[in-house]
N, C-alpha and C. Protein backbone atom coordinates (compact mmCIF):
# COMPACT_ATOMS: atom_id res chain seq x y z
N UNK A 1 18.43 -28.02 1.91
CA UNK A 1 18.26 -26.77 2.20
C UNK A 1 18.65 -26.49 3.51
N UNK A 2 18.34 -27.21 4.46
CA UNK A 2 18.33 -27.08 5.86
C UNK A 2 19.92 -27.00 6.08
N UNK A 3 20.56 -27.99 5.48
CA UNK A 3 22.22 -27.85 5.73
C UNK A 3 22.74 -26.62 5.25
N UNK A 4 22.27 -25.90 4.00
CA UNK A 4 22.56 -24.65 3.78
C UNK A 4 22.50 -23.86 4.66
N UNK A 5 21.25 -23.65 5.32
CA UNK A 5 20.80 -22.68 6.04
C UNK A 5 21.64 -22.79 7.34
N UNK A 6 22.06 -24.01 7.93
CA UNK A 6 22.86 -24.31 8.94
C UNK A 6 24.31 -23.95 8.71
N UNK A 7 24.82 -24.02 7.33
CA UNK A 7 25.95 -23.84 6.93
C UNK A 7 26.19 -22.26 7.08
N UNK A 8 25.28 -21.38 6.46
CA UNK A 8 25.35 -19.98 6.29
C UNK A 8 25.18 -19.33 7.68
N UNK A 9 24.37 -20.02 8.52
CA UNK A 9 24.44 -19.39 10.11
C UNK A 9 25.91 -19.61 10.59
N UNK A 10 26.22 -20.46 10.40
CA UNK A 10 27.70 -20.71 11.36
C UNK A 10 28.59 -20.02 10.56
N UNK A 11 28.38 -19.88 9.40
CA UNK A 11 29.52 -18.93 8.59
C UNK A 11 29.52 -17.39 8.89
N UNK A 12 28.27 -17.33 9.28
CA UNK A 12 28.07 -15.68 9.77
C UNK A 12 28.02 -15.54 11.46
N UNK A 13 27.99 -16.57 12.13
CA UNK A 13 27.99 -16.73 13.47
C UNK A 13 29.47 -16.63 14.08
N UNK A 14 30.22 -17.38 13.48
CA UNK A 14 31.52 -17.64 13.90
C UNK A 14 32.34 -16.12 13.75
N UNK A 15 32.28 -15.48 12.78
CA UNK A 15 32.96 -14.19 12.69
C UNK A 15 32.62 -13.13 13.85
N UNK A 16 31.25 -13.18 13.92
CA UNK A 16 30.30 -12.36 14.84
C UNK A 16 30.95 -12.54 16.26
N UNK A 17 30.78 -13.75 16.55
CA UNK A 17 31.31 -14.13 17.83
C UNK A 17 32.89 -14.11 17.97
N UNK A 18 33.66 -13.86 17.33
CA UNK A 18 34.88 -13.73 17.36
C UNK A 18 35.04 -12.31 17.47
N UNK A 19 34.27 -11.25 16.76
CA UNK A 19 34.34 -9.84 16.95
C UNK A 19 34.09 -9.38 18.35
N UNK A 20 32.76 -9.90 18.81
CA UNK A 20 32.43 -9.77 20.25
C UNK A 20 33.35 -10.00 21.24
N UNK A 21 34.21 -11.27 21.13
CA UNK A 21 35.37 -11.61 21.98
C UNK A 21 36.48 -10.29 21.85
N UNK A 22 36.84 -10.30 20.83
CA UNK A 22 37.76 -9.18 20.48
C UNK A 22 37.34 -7.81 21.22
N UNK A 23 36.23 -7.26 21.02
CA UNK A 23 35.53 -6.22 21.63
C UNK A 23 35.80 -6.36 22.92
N UNK A 24 35.22 -7.39 23.83
CA UNK A 24 35.35 -7.45 24.88
C UNK A 24 36.56 -7.51 25.44
N UNK A 25 37.51 -8.07 24.90
CA UNK A 25 38.86 -8.05 25.61
C UNK A 25 39.58 -6.74 25.18
N UNK A 26 39.05 -5.89 24.24
CA UNK A 26 39.54 -4.67 24.04
C UNK A 26 39.04 -3.51 24.91
N UNK A 27 38.09 -3.88 25.36
CA UNK A 27 37.33 -2.60 26.24
C UNK A 27 36.83 -3.11 27.90
N UNK A 28 37.98 -3.43 28.49
CA UNK A 28 37.78 -3.95 29.80
C UNK A 28 37.82 -2.99 30.83
N UNK A 29 38.16 -1.78 30.21
CA UNK A 29 38.26 -0.68 31.13
C UNK A 29 36.98 -0.41 31.58
N UNK A 30 36.93 0.28 32.85
CA UNK A 30 35.33 0.68 33.81
C UNK A 30 34.76 2.06 33.04
N UNK A 31 33.41 1.95 33.19
CA UNK A 31 32.70 3.04 32.72
C UNK A 31 31.77 3.20 33.71
N UNK A 32 31.79 4.61 34.35
CA UNK A 32 30.80 4.85 35.39
C UNK A 32 29.45 5.30 35.05
N UNK A 33 28.48 4.27 35.45
CA UNK A 33 27.23 4.60 35.02
C UNK A 33 26.51 5.20 36.52
N UNK A 34 25.84 6.45 36.20
CA UNK A 34 25.07 6.89 37.22
C UNK A 34 23.85 7.44 36.87
N UNK A 35 22.72 7.16 37.96
CA UNK A 35 21.36 7.82 37.75
C UNK A 35 20.97 8.86 38.70
N UNK A 36 20.38 9.93 38.01
CA UNK A 36 20.41 11.09 38.92
C UNK A 36 19.93 11.13 40.24
N UNK A 37 18.87 10.41 40.70
CA UNK A 37 18.64 10.62 42.05
C UNK A 37 19.44 10.02 43.16
N UNK A 38 20.34 9.11 42.82
CA UNK A 38 21.27 8.37 43.40
C UNK A 38 22.79 9.14 43.44
N UNK A 39 23.26 9.07 44.43
CA UNK A 39 24.79 9.79 44.44
C UNK A 39 25.51 8.98 43.96
N UNK A 40 25.79 7.86 44.34
CA UNK A 40 26.97 7.03 43.89
C UNK A 40 26.57 6.45 42.55
N UNK A 41 27.71 6.32 41.71
CA UNK A 41 27.27 5.69 40.39
C UNK A 41 27.91 4.00 40.35
N UNK A 42 27.94 3.29 39.62
CA UNK A 42 28.28 2.13 39.47
C UNK A 42 29.33 1.88 38.31
N UNK A 43 30.50 1.32 38.58
CA UNK A 43 31.69 1.17 37.61
C UNK A 43 31.33 -0.28 36.95
N UNK A 44 31.16 -0.33 35.79
CA UNK A 44 31.04 -1.51 34.92
C UNK A 44 32.09 -1.52 33.73
N UNK A 45 32.56 -2.66 33.43
CA UNK A 45 33.40 -2.67 31.99
C UNK A 45 32.77 -2.18 30.84
N UNK A 46 33.27 -1.46 29.99
CA UNK A 46 32.73 -1.00 29.11
C UNK A 46 32.05 -2.10 28.14
N UNK A 47 32.58 -3.14 27.76
CA UNK A 47 31.83 -4.06 27.32
C UNK A 47 30.45 -4.58 27.67
N UNK A 48 30.38 -4.53 28.97
CA UNK A 48 28.86 -5.08 29.48
C UNK A 48 28.19 -3.78 29.40
N UNK A 49 28.45 -2.50 29.34
CA UNK A 49 27.69 -1.58 28.94
C UNK A 49 27.13 -1.73 27.61
N UNK A 50 28.01 -2.05 26.63
CA UNK A 50 27.51 -2.02 25.48
C UNK A 50 26.71 -3.36 24.94
N UNK A 51 27.22 -4.47 25.61
CA UNK A 51 26.74 -6.10 25.00
C UNK A 51 25.62 -6.36 25.76
N UNK A 52 25.44 -5.84 26.99
CA UNK A 52 24.13 -6.18 27.78
C UNK A 52 22.95 -5.64 27.07
N UNK A 53 22.86 -4.45 26.81
CA UNK A 53 21.72 -3.81 26.08
C UNK A 53 21.48 -4.31 24.55
N UNK A 54 22.61 -4.59 23.93
CA UNK A 54 22.30 -5.28 22.68
C UNK A 54 21.69 -6.60 22.83
N UNK A 55 22.21 -7.45 23.73
CA UNK A 55 21.70 -8.82 23.95
C UNK A 55 20.49 -8.66 24.41
N UNK A 56 20.07 -7.82 25.21
CA UNK A 56 18.42 -7.38 25.67
C UNK A 56 17.53 -7.03 24.58
N UNK A 57 18.09 -6.29 23.52
CA UNK A 57 17.42 -5.68 22.46
C UNK A 57 17.26 -6.89 21.50
N UNK A 58 18.19 -8.01 21.22
CA UNK A 58 18.04 -9.12 20.40
C UNK A 58 17.17 -9.86 21.02
N UNK A 59 16.85 -10.32 22.41
CA UNK A 59 15.96 -10.93 22.91
C UNK A 59 14.69 -10.83 22.93
N UNK A 60 14.55 -9.22 23.18
CA UNK A 60 13.31 -8.76 22.76
C UNK A 60 12.73 -8.93 21.46
N UNK A 61 13.66 -8.76 20.56
CA UNK A 61 13.00 -8.79 19.09
C UNK A 61 12.76 -10.09 18.67
N UNK A 62 13.63 -11.18 19.33
CA UNK A 62 13.14 -12.48 19.08
C UNK A 62 11.72 -12.80 19.54
N UNK A 63 11.61 -12.14 20.74
CA UNK A 63 10.22 -12.59 21.36
C UNK A 63 9.24 -12.19 20.63
N UNK A 64 9.46 -10.82 20.05
CA UNK A 64 8.10 -10.17 19.38
C UNK A 64 8.21 -10.94 18.07
N UNK A 65 9.22 -11.28 17.45
CA UNK A 65 8.83 -11.85 16.02
C UNK A 65 8.03 -13.47 16.38
N UNK A 66 8.62 -13.96 17.70
CA UNK A 66 7.85 -15.18 17.92
C UNK A 66 6.38 -14.73 18.28
N UNK A 67 6.09 -13.86 18.76
CA UNK A 67 4.55 -13.67 19.15
C UNK A 67 3.91 -13.29 17.72
N UNK A 68 4.46 -12.74 16.82
CA UNK A 68 3.83 -12.34 15.43
C UNK A 68 3.86 -13.75 14.78
N UNK A 69 4.56 -14.49 14.96
CA UNK A 69 4.58 -15.69 14.00
C UNK A 69 3.54 -16.72 14.79
N UNK A 70 3.50 -16.75 16.10
CA UNK A 70 2.47 -17.50 16.81
C UNK A 70 0.97 -16.78 16.35
N UNK A 71 0.83 -15.69 16.40
CA UNK A 71 -0.41 -14.86 15.85
C UNK A 71 -0.77 -15.35 14.51
N UNK A 72 0.17 -15.12 13.49
CA UNK A 72 -0.19 -15.65 12.14
C UNK A 72 -0.36 -16.90 12.08
N UNK A 73 0.27 -18.00 12.72
CA UNK A 73 0.06 -19.23 12.63
C UNK A 73 -1.61 -19.67 13.20
N UNK A 74 -1.86 -18.85 14.31
CA UNK A 74 -3.23 -19.12 14.82
C UNK A 74 -4.22 -18.49 13.80
N UNK A 75 -3.96 -17.63 13.03
CA UNK A 75 -4.97 -16.81 12.05
C UNK A 75 -5.09 -17.83 10.72
N UNK A 76 -3.72 -18.53 10.56
CA UNK A 76 -3.96 -19.34 9.36
C UNK A 76 -4.76 -20.77 9.91
N UNK A 77 -4.76 -21.11 10.63
CA UNK A 77 -5.33 -22.46 11.30
C UNK A 77 -6.80 -21.81 11.25
N UNK A 78 -7.19 -20.93 11.84
CA UNK A 78 -8.55 -20.51 11.91
C UNK A 78 -9.25 -20.27 10.31
N UNK A 79 -8.34 -19.87 9.63
CA UNK A 79 -8.94 -19.53 8.30
C UNK A 79 -8.93 -21.00 7.45
N UNK A 80 -8.02 -21.93 7.91
CA UNK A 80 -7.94 -23.23 7.40
C UNK A 80 -9.27 -23.83 7.67
N UNK A 81 -9.69 -23.93 8.86
CA UNK A 81 -10.71 -24.62 9.48
C UNK A 81 -12.12 -23.80 8.81
N UNK A 82 -12.12 -22.53 8.49
CA UNK A 82 -13.27 -21.82 7.81
C UNK A 82 -13.26 -22.18 6.30
N UNK A 83 -12.11 -22.33 5.84
CA UNK A 83 -12.38 -22.66 4.38
C UNK A 83 -12.93 -24.31 4.15
N UNK A 84 -12.43 -25.05 5.35
CA UNK A 84 -12.69 -26.51 5.25
C UNK A 84 -14.20 -26.35 5.60
N UNK A 85 -14.77 -25.54 6.34
CA UNK A 85 -16.21 -25.44 6.70
C UNK A 85 -16.91 -25.02 5.37
N UNK A 86 -16.56 -23.99 4.84
CA UNK A 86 -17.35 -23.57 3.71
C UNK A 86 -16.98 -24.61 2.29
N UNK A 87 -16.04 -25.32 2.38
CA UNK A 87 -15.85 -26.39 1.20
C UNK A 87 -16.92 -27.80 1.58
N UNK A 88 -17.38 -27.84 2.76
CA UNK A 88 -18.04 -28.85 3.16
C UNK A 88 -19.66 -28.28 2.74
N UNK A 89 -20.04 -27.02 3.16
CA UNK A 89 -21.09 -26.44 2.76
C UNK A 89 -21.49 -26.41 1.29
N UNK A 90 -20.50 -26.11 0.68
CA UNK A 90 -20.44 -25.82 -0.86
C UNK A 90 -20.77 -27.38 -1.62
N UNK A 91 -20.17 -28.51 -0.90
CA UNK A 91 -20.59 -29.71 -1.43
C UNK A 91 -21.87 -30.18 -1.06
N UNK A 92 -22.27 -29.88 0.07
CA UNK A 92 -23.63 -30.19 0.35
C UNK A 92 -24.56 -29.36 -0.56
N UNK A 93 -24.54 -28.21 -0.91
CA UNK A 93 -25.18 -27.47 -1.65
C UNK A 93 -25.09 -28.02 -3.11
N UNK A 94 -24.05 -28.15 -3.36
CA UNK A 94 -24.02 -28.96 -4.87
C UNK A 94 -24.93 -30.23 -4.90
N UNK A 95 -24.80 -31.13 -3.84
CA UNK A 95 -25.47 -32.40 -3.86
C UNK A 95 -26.96 -32.16 -3.72
N UNK A 96 -27.41 -31.06 -2.86
CA UNK A 96 -28.90 -30.83 -3.11
C UNK A 96 -29.38 -30.44 -4.24
N UNK A 97 -28.29 -29.41 -5.00
CA UNK A 97 -28.85 -28.97 -6.24
C UNK A 97 -28.88 -30.03 -7.34
N UNK A 98 -27.78 -31.00 -7.34
CA UNK A 98 -27.89 -32.13 -8.07
C UNK A 98 -29.13 -32.99 -7.87
N UNK A 99 -29.65 -33.33 -6.82
CA UNK A 99 -30.74 -34.19 -6.58
C UNK A 99 -32.11 -33.32 -6.61
N UNK A 100 -32.17 -31.96 -6.62
CA UNK A 100 -33.20 -31.23 -7.13
C UNK A 100 -33.42 -31.31 -8.76
N UNK A 101 -32.39 -31.15 -9.22
CA UNK A 101 -32.14 -31.08 -10.75
C UNK A 101 -32.59 -32.56 -11.31
N UNK A 102 -32.29 -33.62 -10.44
CA UNK A 102 -32.62 -35.00 -10.93
C UNK A 102 -34.41 -35.21 -10.87
N UNK A 103 -34.76 -34.63 -9.73
CA UNK A 103 -36.25 -34.87 -9.26
C UNK A 103 -37.12 -33.99 -10.32
N UNK A 104 -36.43 -32.79 -10.65
CA UNK A 104 -37.26 -32.14 -11.58
C UNK A 104 -37.05 -32.73 -13.07
N UNK A 105 -35.86 -33.30 -13.35
CA UNK A 105 -35.94 -33.89 -14.73
C UNK A 105 -36.84 -35.30 -14.57
N UNK A 106 -37.05 -36.08 -13.63
CA UNK A 106 -37.86 -36.96 -13.55
C UNK A 106 -39.20 -36.55 -13.61
N UNK A 107 -39.57 -35.45 -12.94
CA UNK A 107 -41.26 -35.02 -13.09
C UNK A 107 -41.39 -34.26 -14.68
N UNK A 108 -40.46 -33.90 -15.08
CA UNK A 108 -40.72 -33.30 -16.39
C UNK A 108 -40.94 -34.72 -17.67
N UNK A 109 -40.01 -35.61 -17.39
CA UNK A 109 -40.12 -36.90 -17.92
C UNK A 109 -41.39 -37.55 -17.82
N UNK A 110 -42.01 -37.55 -16.65
CA UNK A 110 -43.36 -38.11 -16.46
C UNK A 110 -44.44 -37.68 -16.85
N UNK A 111 -44.29 -36.48 -17.45
CA UNK A 111 -45.32 -35.40 -18.12
C UNK A 111 -45.69 -35.65 -19.32
């Protein structure tokens, strides 16, 4: 399964990378970026104006997903500890119930 995932990743990643390279080579002309309070703008290649925010969004999405995954794993670990504790308590109650049933059976047998 891991090999299939790796193969699918590269099957998708190689064309996307090629597309990004072609996009960058096709859009090298300058784009003027200006912000209102500042008089002068900055001229950047168009591919940077498009790809840098896209990359920033990708990184932000990956970080958000990782944080959610870590929170879910922490909750799962907490619930696993709780289930283990409850199972231990249940076994103790079953043992106590069995011993009290046995002592009650012994007491009724002596009568």
